[in-house]
Amino acid sequence: MAPQITGLFMHDPTIIKQGTTILRCLLITTPLIGVILVFTTVFQSANKAVSAFLMSITRQGVLLWLVLAVTVNVWGYNGIIWAQPLADVLTFALGWSLYLHMKKSNNDNKIENK
């Protein structure tokens, strides 16, 4: 339904085509955004301030700017379109690795306390 949604706001076929592509690209990683927010909340509630801070600044901040700088130079306009989904995937990977590290640390602490 991306063309129909884009068509609600614009009537130029070229803009609808580009808007459809952009909307589809952004929606690809929508499920990861929820997981990223869960990771951030888990780190906050587990008193992992550094991990929570990294997750907070990564997706829309530092990592997005770095990804934009690289993808624009490599793919031009398409790099702008794909920068946010790529930043989402990389932020998810960061969150997953921080979560695994936290889980391993917690397991190691349980073994030492026995």
PDB file of N, CA and C in Angstrom:
ATOM      1  N   MET A   1       0.802  -1.197   0.000  1.00  0.00           N
ATOM      2  CA  MET A   1       0.000   0.000   0.000  1.00  0.00           C
ATOM      3  C   MET A   1       0.851   1.269   0.000  1.00  0.00           C
ATOM      4  N   ALA A   2       2.149   1.115  -0.145  1.00  0.00           N
ATOM      5  CA  ALA A   2       3.038   2.279  -0.121  1.00  0.00           C
ATOM      6  C   ALA A   2       2.684   3.313  -1.196  1.00  0.00           C
ATOM      7  N   PRO A   3       2.386   2.907  -2.440  1.00  0.00           N
ATOM      8  CA  PRO A   3       2.034   3.927  -3.438  1.00  0.00           C
ATOM      9  C   PRO A   3       0.742   4.679  -3.084  1.00  0.00           C
ATOM     10  N   GLN A   4      -0.219   3.954  -2.529  1.00  0.00           N
ATOM     11  CA  GLN A   4      -1.485   4.584  -2.171  1.00  0.00           C
ATOM     12  C   GLN A   4      -1.290   5.582  -1.022  1.00  0.00           C
ATOM     13  N   ILE A   5      -0.469   5.206  -0.047  1.00  0.00           N
ATOM     14  CA  ILE A   5      -0.218   6.102   1.085  1.00  0.00           C
ATOM     15  C   ILE A   5       0.527   7.346   0.613  1.00  0.00           C
ATOM     16  N   THR A   6       1.549   7.143  -0.199  1.00  0.00           N
ATOM     17  CA  THR A   6       2.303   8.285  -0.727  1.00  0.00           C
ATOM     18  C   THR A   6       1.405   9.155  -1.600  1.00  0.00           C
ATOM     19  N   GLY A   7       0.523   8.529  -2.356  1.00  0.00           N
ATOM     20  CA  GLY A   7      -0.387   9.258  -3.229  1.00  0.00           C
ATOM     21  C   GLY A   7      -1.393  10.127  -2.488  1.00  0.00           C
ATOM     22  N   LEU A   8      -1.606   9.836  -1.202  1.00  0.00           N
ATOM     23  CA  LEU A   8      -2.494  10.685  -0.413  1.00  0.00           C
ATOM     24  C   LEU A   8      -1.922  12.096  -0.244  1.00  0.00           C
ATOM     25  N   PHE A   9      -0.597  12.208  -0.295  1.00  0.00           N
ATOM     26  CA  PHE A   9       0.066  13.483  -0.026  1.00  0.00           C
ATOM     27  C   PHE A   9       0.601  14.169  -1.273  1.00  0.00           C
ATOM     28  N   MET A  10       0.907  13.388  -2.292  1.00  0.00           N
ATOM     29  CA  MET A  10       1.472  13.934  -3.527  1.00  0.00           C
ATOM     30  C   MET A  10       0.782  13.281  -4.724  1.00  0.00           C
ATOM     31  N   HIS A  11       0.737  13.990  -5.833  1.00  0.00           N
ATOM     32  CA  HIS A  11       0.063  13.450  -7.018  1.00  0.00           C
ATOM     33  C   HIS A  11       1.003  13.297  -8.206  1.00  0.00           C
ATOM     34  N   ASP A  12       2.230  13.727  -8.065  1.00  0.00           N
ATOM     35  CA  ASP A  12       3.230  13.594  -9.127  1.00  0.00           C
ATOM     36  C   ASP A  12       3.731  12.147  -9.148  1.00  0.00           C
ATOM     37  N   PRO A  13       3.610  11.436 -10.274  1.00  0.00           N
ATOM     38  CA  PRO A  13       4.028  10.031 -10.343  1.00  0.00           C
ATOM     39  C   PRO A  13       5.493   9.794  -9.960  1.00  0.00           C
ATOM     40  N   THR A  14       6.360  10.734 -10.289  1.00  0.00           N
ATOM     41  CA  THR A  14       7.776  10.587  -9.935  1.00  0.00           C
ATOM     42  C   THR A  14       7.960  10.641  -8.424  1.00  0.00           C
ATOM     43  N   ILE A  15       7.285  11.568  -7.784  1.00  0.00           N
ATOM     44  CA  ILE A  15       7.382  11.683  -6.327  1.00  0.00           C
ATOM     45  C   ILE A  15       6.753  10.476  -5.655  1.00  0.00           C
ATOM     46  N   ILE A  16       5.644   9.982  -6.186  1.00  0.00           N
ATOM     47  CA  ILE A  16       5.004   8.789  -5.619  1.00  0.00           C
ATOM     48  C   ILE A  16       5.939   7.590  -5.721  1.00  0.00           C
ATOM     49  N   LYS A  17       6.615   7.461  -6.863  1.00  0.00           N
ATOM     50  CA  LYS A  17       7.555   6.336  -7.040  1.00  0.00           C
ATOM     51  C   LYS A  17       8.703   6.434  -6.031  1.00  0.00           C
ATOM     52  N   GLN A  18       9.307   7.611  -5.896  1.00  0.00           N
ATOM     53  CA  GLN A  18      10.409   7.792  -4.942  1.00  0.00           C
ATOM     54  C   GLN A  18       9.925   7.636  -3.503  1.00  0.00           C
ATOM     55  N   GLY A  19       8.767   8.209  -3.206  1.00  0.00           N
ATOM     56  CA  GLY A  19       8.200   8.098  -1.857  1.00  0.00           C
ATOM     57  C   GLY A  19       7.887   6.659  -1.496  1.00  0.00           C
ATOM     58  N   THR A  20       7.412   5.892  -2.456  1.00  0.00           N
ATOM     59  CA  THR A  20       7.131   4.471  -2.238  1.00  0.00           C
ATOM     60  C   THR A  20       8.408   3.722  -1.890  1.00  0.00           C
ATOM     61  N   THR A  21       9.459   3.990  -2.634  1.00  0.00           N
ATOM     62  CA  THR A  21      10.752   3.346  -2.359  1.00  0.00           C
ATOM     63  C   THR A  21      11.254   3.706  -0.966  1.00  0.00           C
ATOM     64  N   ILE A  22      11.200   4.975  -0.627  1.00  0.00           N
ATOM     65  CA  ILE A  22      11.678   5.427   0.681  1.00  0.00           C
ATOM     66  C   ILE A  22      10.853   4.800   1.798  1.00  0.00           C
ATOM     67  N   LEU A  23       9.529   4.798   1.655  1.00  0.00           N
ATOM     68  CA  LEU A  23       8.656   4.230   2.676  1.00  0.00           C
ATOM     69  C   LEU A  23       8.947   2.753   2.879  1.00  0.00           C
ATOM     70  N   ARG A  24       9.105   2.027   1.803  1.00  0.00           N
ATOM     71  CA  ARG A  24       9.403   0.587   1.909  1.00  0.00           C
ATOM     72  C   ARG A  24      10.757   0.341   2.570  1.00  0.00           C
ATOM     73  N   CYS A  25      11.752   1.144   2.222  1.00  0.00           N
ATOM     74  CA  CYS A  25      13.080   0.992   2.825  1.00  0.00           C
ATOM     75  C   CYS A  25      13.029   1.233   4.337  1.00  0.00           C
ATOM     76  N   LEU A  26      12.299   2.265   4.726  1.00  0.00           N
ATOM     77  CA  LEU A  26      12.217   2.584   6.152  1.00  0.00           C
ATOM     78  C   LEU A  26      11.418   1.542   6.922  1.00  0.00           C
ATOM     79  N   LEU A  27      10.411   0.954   6.296  1.00  0.00           N
ATOM     80  CA  LEU A  27       9.582  -0.025   6.996  1.00  0.00           C
ATOM     81  C   LEU A  27      10.234  -1.395   7.134  1.00  0.00           C
ATOM     82  N   ILE A  28      11.263  -1.658   6.348  1.00  0.00           N
ATOM     83  CA  ILE A  28      11.943  -2.958   6.420  1.00  0.00           C
ATOM     84  C   ILE A  28      12.459  -3.234   7.829  1.00  0.00           C
ATOM     85  N   THR A  29      13.010  -2.223   8.458  1.00  0.00           N
ATOM     86  CA  THR A  29      13.629  -2.433   9.770  1.00  0.00           C
ATOM     87  C   THR A  29      12.743  -2.015  10.937  1.00  0.00           C
ATOM     88  N   THR A  30      11.468  -1.774  10.685  1.00  0.00           N
ATOM     89  CA  THR A  30      10.559  -1.376  11.762  1.00  0.00           C
ATOM     90  C   THR A  30      10.567  -2.370  12.936  1.00  0.00           C
ATOM     91  N   PRO A  31      10.551  -3.686  12.704  1.00  0.00           N
ATOM     92  CA  PRO A  31      10.596  -4.600  13.857  1.00  0.00           C
ATOM     93  C   PRO A  31      11.854  -4.434  14.713  1.00  0.00           C
ATOM     94  N   LEU A  32      12.957  -4.080  14.071  1.00  0.00           N
ATOM     95  CA  LEU A  32      14.201  -3.904  14.830  1.00  0.00           C
ATOM     96  C   LEU A  32      14.129  -2.697  15.758  1.00  0.00           C
ATOM     97  N   ILE A  33      13.364  -1.677  15.374  1.00  0.00           N
ATOM     98  CA  ILE A  33      13.253  -0.479  16.200  1.00  0.00           C
ATOM     99  C   ILE A  33      12.657  -0.835  17.559  1.00  0.00           C
ATOM    100  N   GLY A  34      11.638  -1.690  17.551  1.00  0.00           N
ATOM    101  CA  GLY A  34      11.049  -2.145  18.814  1.00  0.00           C
ATOM    102  C   GLY A  34      12.048  -2.885  19.677  1.00  0.00           C
ATOM    103  N   VAL A  35      12.838  -3.745  19.059  1.00  0.00           N
ATOM    104  CA  VAL A  35      13.846  -4.505  19.804  1.00  0.00           C
ATOM    105  C   VAL A  35      14.924  -3.566  20.347  1.00  0.00           C
ATOM    106  N   ILE A  36      15.317  -2.579  19.561  1.00  0.00           N
ATOM    107  CA  ILE A  36      16.312  -1.595  20.008  1.00  0.00           C
ATOM    108  C   ILE A  36      15.805  -0.858  21.246  1.00  0.00           C
ATOM    109  N   LEU A  37      14.538  -0.474  21.232  1.00  0.00           N
ATOM    110  CA  LEU A  37      13.960   0.197  22.393  1.00  0.00           C
ATOM    111  C   LEU A  37      13.901  -0.721  23.608  1.00  0.00           C
ATOM    112  N   VAL A  38      13.625  -1.996  23.381  1.00  0.00           N
ATOM    113  CA  VAL A  38      13.623  -2.964  24.486  1.00  0.00           C
ATOM    114  C   VAL A  38      15.030  -3.110  25.059  1.00  0.00           C
ATOM    115  N   PHE A  39      16.026  -3.237  24.184  1.00  0.00           N
ATOM    116  CA  PHE A  39      17.414  -3.308  24.666  1.00  0.00           C
ATOM    117  C   PHE A  39      17.746  -2.095  25.535  1.00  0.00           C
ATOM    118  N   THR A  40      17.402  -0.908  25.061  1.00  0.00           N
ATOM    119  CA  THR A  40      17.695   0.314  25.807  1.00  0.00           C
ATOM    120  C   THR A  40      17.033   0.274  27.176  1.00  0.00           C
ATOM    121  N   THR A  41      15.782  -0.139  27.235  1.00  0.00           N
ATOM    122  CA  THR A  41      15.049  -0.207  28.492  1.00  0.00           C
ATOM    123  C   THR A  41      15.631  -1.267  29.419  1.00  0.00           C
ATOM    124  N   VAL A  42      16.007  -2.400  28.863  1.00  0.00           N
ATOM    125  CA  VAL A  42      16.617  -3.465  29.670  1.00  0.00           C
ATOM    126  C   VAL A  42      17.917  -2.972  30.297  1.00  0.00           C
ATOM    127  N   PHE A  43      18.739  -2.300  29.521  1.00  0.00           N
ATOM    128  CA  PHE A  43      20.004  -1.793  30.056  1.00  0.00           C
ATOM    129  C   PHE A  43      19.759  -0.745  31.138  1.00  0.00           C
ATOM    130  N   GLN A  44      18.769   0.098  30.937  1.00  0.00           N
ATOM    131  CA  GLN A  44      18.451   1.094  31.956  1.00  0.00           C
ATOM    132  C   GLN A  44      17.990   0.434  33.247  1.00  0.00           C
ATOM    133  N   SER A  45      17.118  -0.551  33.126  1.00  0.00           N
ATOM    134  CA  SER A  45      16.580  -1.203  34.327  1.00  0.00           C
ATOM    135  C   SER A  45      17.605  -2.113  35.002  1.00  0.00           C
ATOM    136  N   ALA A  46      18.602  -2.558  34.246  1.00  0.00           N
ATOM    137  CA  ALA A  46      19.657  -3.410  34.812  1.00  0.00           C
ATOM    138  C   ALA A  46      20.829  -2.591  35.333  1.00  0.00           C
ATOM    139  N   ASN A  47      20.659  -1.274  35.354  1.00  0.00           N
ATOM    140  CA  ASN A  47      21.694  -0.362  35.851  1.00  0.00           C
ATOM    141  C   ASN A  47      22.974  -0.427  35.007  1.00  0.00           C
ATOM    142  N   LYS A  48      22.790  -0.607  33.714  1.00  0.00           N
ATOM    143  CA  LYS A  48      23.902  -0.611  32.756  1.00  0.00           C
ATOM    144  C   LYS A  48      23.878   0.714  32.007  1.00  0.00           C
ATOM    145  N   ALA A  49      24.306   1.766  32.693  1.00  0.00           N
ATOM    146  CA  ALA A  49      24.179   3.129  32.175  1.00  0.00           C
ATOM    147  C   ALA A  49      24.930   3.328  30.866  1.00  0.00           C
ATOM    148  N   VAL A  50      26.135   2.792  30.768  1.00  0.00           N
ATOM    149  CA  VAL A  50      26.928   2.985  29.547  1.00  0.00           C
ATOM    150  C   VAL A  50      26.250   2.318  28.353  1.00  0.00           C
ATOM    151  N   SER A  51      25.768   1.099  28.554  1.00  0.00           N
ATOM    152  CA  SER A  51      25.079   0.397  27.461  1.00  0.00           C
ATOM    153  C   SER A  51      23.804   1.127  27.058  1.00  0.00           C
ATOM    154  N   ALA A  52      23.038   1.584  28.034  1.00  0.00           N
ATOM    155  CA  ALA A  52      21.811   2.332  27.736  1.00  0.00           C
ATOM    156  C   ALA A  52      22.141   3.625  26.991  1.00  0.00           C
ATOM    157  N   PHE A  53      23.185   4.302  27.422  1.00  0.00           N
ATOM    158  CA  PHE A  53      23.597   5.541  26.759  1.00  0.00           C
ATOM    159  C   PHE A  53      24.023   5.270  25.321  1.00  0.00           C
ATOM    160  N   LEU A  54      24.816   4.216  25.108  1.00  0.00           N
ATOM    161  CA  LEU A  54      25.240   3.864  23.747  1.00  0.00           C
ATOM    162  C   LEU A  54      24.039   3.585  22.850  1.00  0.00           C
ATOM    163  N   MET A  55      23.070   2.856  23.370  1.00  0.00           N
ATOM    164  CA  MET A  55      21.884   2.552  22.577  1.00  0.00           C
ATOM    165  C   MET A  55      21.093   3.826  22.274  1.00  0.00           C
ATOM    166  N   SER A  56      21.057   4.742  23.220  1.00  0.00           N
ATOM    167  CA  SER A  56      20.288   5.972  23.045  1.00  0.00           C
ATOM    168  C   SER A  56      20.884   6.881  21.968  1.00  0.00           C
ATOM    169  N   ILE A  57      22.192   6.976  21.920  1.00  0.00           N
ATOM    170  CA  ILE A  57      22.818   7.898  20.964  1.00  0.00           C
ATOM    171  C   ILE A  57      23.152   7.256  19.621  1.00  0.00           C
ATOM    172  N   THR A  58      23.053   5.953  19.526  1.00  0.00           N
ATOM    173  CA  THR A  58      23.533   5.267  18.329  1.00  0.00           C
ATOM    174  C   THR A  58      22.600   5.385  17.136  1.00  0.00           C
ATOM    175  N   ARG A  59      21.360   4.961  17.269  1.00  0.00           N
ATOM    176  CA  ARG A  59      20.465   4.835  16.119  1.00  0.00           C
ATOM    177  C   ARG A  59      20.231   6.154  15.384  1.00  0.00           C
ATOM    178  N   GLN A  60      19.849   7.182  16.099  1.00  0.00           N
ATOM    179  CA  GLN A  60      19.531   8.459  15.467  1.00  0.00           C
ATOM    180  C   GLN A  60      20.660   9.480  15.593  1.00  0.00           C
ATOM    181  N   GLY A  61      21.740   9.068  16.188  1.00  0.00           N
ATOM    182  CA  GLY A  61      22.821  10.016  16.424  1.00  0.00           C
ATOM    183  C   GLY A  61      24.099   9.622  15.715  1.00  0.00           C
ATOM    184  N   VAL A  62      25.042   9.213  16.491  1.00  0.00           N
ATOM    185  CA  VAL A  62      26.406   8.974  16.012  1.00  0.00           C
ATOM    186  C   VAL A  62      26.446   7.995  14.842  1.00  0.00           C
ATOM    187  N   LEU A  63      25.831   6.852  15.019  1.00  0.00           N
ATOM    188  CA  LEU A  63      25.917   5.826  13.981  1.00  0.00           C
ATOM    189  C   LEU A  63      25.215   6.259  12.698  1.00  0.00           C
ATOM    190  N   LEU A  64      24.073   6.897  12.823  1.00  0.00           N
ATOM    191  CA  LEU A  64      23.367   7.358  11.623  1.00  0.00           C
ATOM    192  C   LEU A  64      24.229   8.339  10.835  1.00  0.00           C
ATOM    193  N   TRP A  65      24.884   9.257  11.530  1.00  0.00           N
ATOM    194  CA  TRP A  65      25.736  10.228  10.822  1.00  0.00           C
ATOM    195  C   TRP A  65      26.912   9.548  10.137  1.00  0.00           C
ATOM    196  N   LEU A  66      27.505   8.559  10.805  1.00  0.00           N
ATOM    197  CA  LEU A  66      28.617   7.830  10.188  1.00  0.00           C
ATOM    198  C   LEU A  66      28.152   7.044   8.969  1.00  0.00           C
ATOM    199  N   VAL A  67      27.029   6.365   9.117  1.00  0.00           N
ATOM    200  CA  VAL A  67      26.490   5.587   7.996  1.00  0.00           C
ATOM    201  C   VAL A  67      26.125   6.512   6.837  1.00  0.00           C
ATOM    202  N   LEU A  68      25.518   7.648   7.140  1.00  0.00           N
ATOM    203  CA  LEU A  68      25.188   8.617   6.093  1.00  0.00           C
ATOM    204  C   LEU A  68      26.433   9.083   5.350  1.00  0.00           C
ATOM    205  N   ALA A  69      27.484   9.390   6.091  1.00  0.00           N
ATOM    206  CA  ALA A  69      28.719   9.865   5.465  1.00  0.00           C
ATOM    207  C   ALA A  69      29.286   8.828   4.503  1.00  0.00           C
ATOM    208  N   VAL A  70      29.226   7.563   4.883  1.00  0.00           N
ATOM    209  CA  VAL A  70      29.771   6.509   4.033  1.00  0.00           C
ATOM    210  C   VAL A  70      28.842   6.209   2.858  1.00  0.00           C
ATOM    211  N   THR A  71      27.550   5.998   3.139  1.00  0.00           N
ATOM    212  CA  THR A  71      26.649   5.564   2.072  1.00  0.00           C
ATOM    213  C   THR A  71      26.409   6.638   1.013  1.00  0.00           C
ATOM    214  N   VAL A  72      26.414   7.894   1.423  1.00  0.00           N
ATOM    215  CA  VAL A  72      26.242   8.971   0.437  1.00  0.00           C
ATOM    216  C   VAL A  72      27.427   8.990  -0.524  1.00  0.00           C
ATOM    217  N   ASN A  73      28.626   8.790  -0.001  1.00  0.00           N
ATOM    218  CA  ASN A  73      29.811   8.774  -0.865  1.00  0.00           C
ATOM    219  C   ASN A  73      29.855   7.545  -1.756  1.00  0.00           C
ATOM    220  N   VAL A  74      29.285   6.441  -1.297  1.00  0.00           N
ATOM    221  CA  VAL A  74      29.317   5.206  -2.080  1.00  0.00           C
ATOM    222  C   VAL A  74      28.137   5.124  -3.048  1.00  0.00           C
ATOM    223  N   TRP A  75      26.907   5.406  -2.574  1.00  0.00           N
ATOM    224  CA  TRP A  75      25.711   5.200  -3.380  1.00  0.00           C
ATOM    225  C   TRP A  75      24.948   6.474  -3.713  1.00  0.00           C
ATOM    226  N   GLY A  76      25.421   7.621  -3.291  1.00  0.00           N
ATOM    227  CA  GLY A  76      24.737   8.879  -3.616  1.00  0.00           C
ATOM    228  C   GLY A  76      23.358   8.963  -2.986  1.00  0.00           C
ATOM    229  N   TYR A  77      22.365   9.296  -3.800  1.00  0.00           N
ATOM    230  CA  TYR A  77      20.991   9.467  -3.323  1.00  0.00           C
ATOM    231  C   TYR A  77      20.466   8.199  -2.649  1.00  0.00           C
ATOM    232  N   ASN A  78      20.733   7.041  -3.238  1.00  0.00           N
ATOM    233  CA  ASN A  78      20.293   5.784  -2.626  1.00  0.00           C
ATOM    234  C   ASN A  78      20.948   5.562  -1.266  1.00  0.00           C
ATOM    235  N   GLY A  79      22.125   6.098  -1.076  1.00  0.00           N
ATOM    236  CA  GLY A  79      22.783   6.007   0.220  1.00  0.00           C
ATOM    237  C   GLY A  79      22.022   6.749   1.299  1.00  0.00           C
ATOM    238  N   ILE A  80      21.411   7.873   0.924  1.00  0.00           N
ATOM    239  CA  ILE A  80      20.580   8.620   1.876  1.00  0.00           C
ATOM    240  C   ILE A  80      19.360   7.789   2.254  1.00  0.00           C
ATOM    241  N   ILE A  81      18.751   7.156   1.263  1.00  0.00           N
ATOM    242  CA  ILE A  81      17.547   6.360   1.500  1.00  0.00           C
ATOM    243  C   ILE A  81      17.847   5.166   2.412  1.00  0.00           C
ATOM    244  N   TRP A  82      18.963   4.492   2.174  1.00  0.00           N
ATOM    245  CA  TRP A  82      19.278   3.269   2.906  1.00  0.00           C
ATOM    246  C   TRP A  82      20.060   3.499   4.201  1.00  0.00           C
ATOM    247  N   ALA A  83      20.448   4.726   4.501  1.00  0.00           N
ATOM    248  CA  ALA A  83      21.250   4.997   5.695  1.00  0.00           C
ATOM    249  C   ALA A  83      20.506   4.644   6.989  1.00  0.00           C
ATOM    250  N   GLN A  84      19.253   5.061   7.109  1.00  0.00           N
ATOM    251  CA  GLN A  84      18.512   4.784   8.337  1.00  0.00           C
ATOM    252  C   GLN A  84      18.290   3.281   8.557  1.00  0.00           C
ATOM    253  N   PRO A  85      17.827   2.521   7.539  1.00  0.00           N
ATOM    254  CA  PRO A  85      17.699   1.080   7.766  1.00  0.00           C
ATOM    255  C   PRO A  85      19.031   0.408   8.120  1.00  0.00           C
ATOM    256  N   LEU A  86      20.106   0.836   7.486  1.00  0.00           N
ATOM    257  CA  LEU A  86      21.411   0.261   7.803  1.00  0.00           C
ATOM    258  C   LEU A  86      21.836   0.624   9.228  1.00  0.00           C
ATOM    259  N   ALA A  87      21.588   1.856   9.633  1.00  0.00           N
ATOM    260  CA  ALA A  87      21.888   2.264  11.014  1.00  0.00           C
ATOM    261  C   ALA A  87      21.048   1.468  12.004  1.00  0.00           C
ATOM    262  N   ASP A  88      19.807   1.156  11.643  1.00  0.00           N
ATOM    263  CA  ASP A  88      18.951   0.335  12.510  1.00  0.00           C
ATOM    264  C   ASP A  88      19.528  -1.070  12.686  1.00  0.00           C
ATOM    265  N   VAL A  89      19.977  -1.658  11.590  1.00  0.00           N
ATOM    266  CA  VAL A  89      20.567  -3.007  11.656  1.00  0.00           C
ATOM    267  C   VAL A  89      21.835  -2.990  12.507  1.00  0.00           C
ATOM    268  N   LEU A  90      22.676  -2.000  12.303  1.00  0.00           N
ATOM    269  CA  LEU A  90      23.917  -1.913  13.075  1.00  0.00           C
ATOM    270  C   LEU A  90      23.641  -1.622  14.550  1.00  0.00           C
ATOM    271  N   THR A  91      22.642  -0.808  14.845  1.00  0.00           N
ATOM    272  CA  THR A  91      22.272  -0.533  16.232  1.00  0.00           C
ATOM    273  C   THR A  91      21.712  -1.782  16.885  1.00  0.00           C
ATOM    274  N   PHE A  92      20.913  -2.546  16.146  1.00  0.00           N
ATOM    275  CA  PHE A  92      20.409  -3.818  16.659  1.00  0.00           C
ATOM    276  C   PHE A  92      21.567  -4.754  16.986  1.00  0.00           C
ATOM    277  N   ALA A  93      22.550  -4.836  16.085  1.00  0.00           N
ATOM    278  CA  ALA A  93      23.724  -5.697  16.314  1.00  0.00           C
ATOM    279  C   ALA A  93      24.487  -5.249  17.556  1.00  0.00           C
ATOM    280  N   LEU A  94      24.631  -3.947  17.747  1.00  0.00           N
ATOM    281  CA  LEU A  94      25.283  -3.429  18.947  1.00  0.00           C
ATOM    282  C   LEU A  94      24.502  -3.822  20.187  1.00  0.00           C
ATOM    283  N   GLY A  95      23.189  -3.629  20.152  1.00  0.00           N
ATOM    284  CA  GLY A  95      22.350  -3.992  21.296  1.00  0.00           C
ATOM    285  C   GLY A  95      22.417  -5.464  21.616  1.00  0.00           C
ATOM    286  N   TRP A  96      22.402  -6.291  20.581  1.00  0.00           N
ATOM    287  CA  TRP A  96      22.477  -7.738  20.776  1.00  0.00           C
ATOM    288  C   TRP A  96      23.808  -8.125  21.427  1.00  0.00           C
ATOM    289  N   SER A  97      24.894  -7.534  20.940  1.00  0.00           N
ATOM    290  CA  SER A  97      26.203  -7.879  21.513  1.00  0.00           C
ATOM    291  C   SER A  97      26.323  -7.365  22.946  1.00  0.00           C
ATOM    292  N   LEU A  98      25.811  -6.169  23.231  1.00  0.00           N
ATOM    293  CA  LEU A  98      25.831  -5.665  24.605  1.00  0.00           C
ATOM    294  C   LEU A  98      24.969  -6.531  25.521  1.00  0.00           C
ATOM    295  N   TYR A  99      23.843  -6.998  25.002  1.00  0.00           N
ATOM    296  CA  TYR A  99      22.971  -7.870  25.787  1.00  0.00           C
ATOM    297  C   TYR A  99      23.659  -9.193  26.091  1.00  0.00           C
ATOM    298  N   LEU A 100      24.296  -9.792  25.089  1.00  0.00           N
ATOM    299  CA  LEU A 100      25.006 -11.052  25.321  1.00  0.00           C
ATOM    300  C   LEU A 100      26.131 -10.867  26.328  1.00  0.00           C
ATOM    301  N   HIS A 101      26.835  -9.746  26.237  1.00  0.00           N
ATOM    302  CA  HIS A 101      27.903  -9.447  27.188  1.00  0.00           C
ATOM    303  C   HIS A 101      27.336  -9.295  28.606  1.00  0.00           C
ATOM    304  N   MET A 102      26.218  -8.606  28.737  1.00  0.00           N
ATOM    305  CA  MET A 102      25.586  -8.430  30.046  1.00  0.00           C
ATOM    306  C   MET A 102      25.136  -9.775  30.599  1.00  0.00           C
ATOM    307  N   LYS A 103      24.556 -10.586  29.750  1.00  0.00           N
ATOM    308  CA  LYS A 103      24.074 -11.908  30.173  1.00  0.00           C
ATOM    309  C   LYS A 103      25.241 -12.785  30.620  1.00  0.00           C
ATOM    310  N   LYS A 104      26.343 -12.757  29.868  1.00  0.00           N
ATOM    311  CA  LYS A 104      27.535 -13.539  30.224  1.00  0.00           C
ATOM    312  C   LYS A 104      28.109 -13.043  31.546  1.00  0.00           C
ATOM    313  N   SER A 105      28.168 -11.730  31.729  1.00  0.00           N
ATOM    314  CA  SER A 105      28.685 -11.164  32.979  1.00  0.00           C
ATOM    315  C   SER A 105      27.825 -11.582  34.165  1.00  0.00           C
ATOM    316  N   ASN A 106      26.515 -11.579  33.974  1.00  0.00           N
ATOM    317  CA  ASN A 106      25.613 -11.994  35.049  1.00  0.00           C
ATOM    318  C   ASN A 106      25.796 -13.464  35.379  1.00  0.00           C
ATOM    319  N   ASN A 107      25.971 -14.297  34.360  1.00  0.00           N
ATOM    320  CA  ASN A 107      26.192 -15.728  34.601  1.00  0.00           C
ATOM    321  C   ASN A 107      27.526 -15.967  35.305  1.00  0.00           C
ATOM    322  N   ASP A 108      28.567 -15.218  34.904  1.00  0.00           N
ATOM    323  CA  ASP A 108      29.869 -15.355  35.541  1.00  0.00           C
ATOM    324  C   ASP A 108      29.796 -14.937  37.016  1.00  0.00           C
ATOM    325  N   ASN A 109      29.035 -13.896  37.307  1.00  0.00           N
ATOM    326  CA  ASN A 109      28.879 -13.447  38.689  1.00  0.00           C
ATOM    327  C   ASN A 109      28.131 -14.456  39.526  1.00  0.00           C
ATOM    328  N   LYS A 110      27.147 -15.143  38.953  1.00  0.00           N
ATOM    329  CA  LYS A 110      26.396 -16.161  39.680  1.00  0.00           C
ATOM    330  C   LYS A 110      27.296 -17.335  40.022  1.00  0.00           C
ATOM    331  N   ILE A 111      28.177 -17.721  39.086  1.00  0.00           N
ATOM    332  CA  ILE A 111      29.089 -18.837  39.325  1.00  0.00           C
ATOM    333  C   ILE A 111      30.074 -18.471  40.427  1.00  0.00           C
ATOM    334  N   GLU A 112      30.609 -17.251  40.414  1.00  0.00           N
ATOM    335  CA  GLU A 112      31.569 -16.821  41.427  1.00  0.00           C
ATOM    336  C   GLU A 112      30.933 -16.732  42.808  1.00  0.00           C
ATOM    337  N   ASN A 113      29.655 -16.400  42.871  1.00  0.00           N
ATOM    338  CA  ASN A 113      28.982 -16.242  44.157  1.00  0.00           C
ATOM    339  C   ASN A 113      28.580 -17.565  44.784  1.00  0.00           C
ATOM    340  N   LYS A 114      28.668 -18.663  44.066  1.00  0.00           N
ATOM    341  CA  LYS A 114      28.278 -19.964  44.628  1.00  0.00           C
ATOM    342  C   LYS A 114      29.331 -20.530  45.517  1.00  0.00           C
TER     343      LYS A 114
END
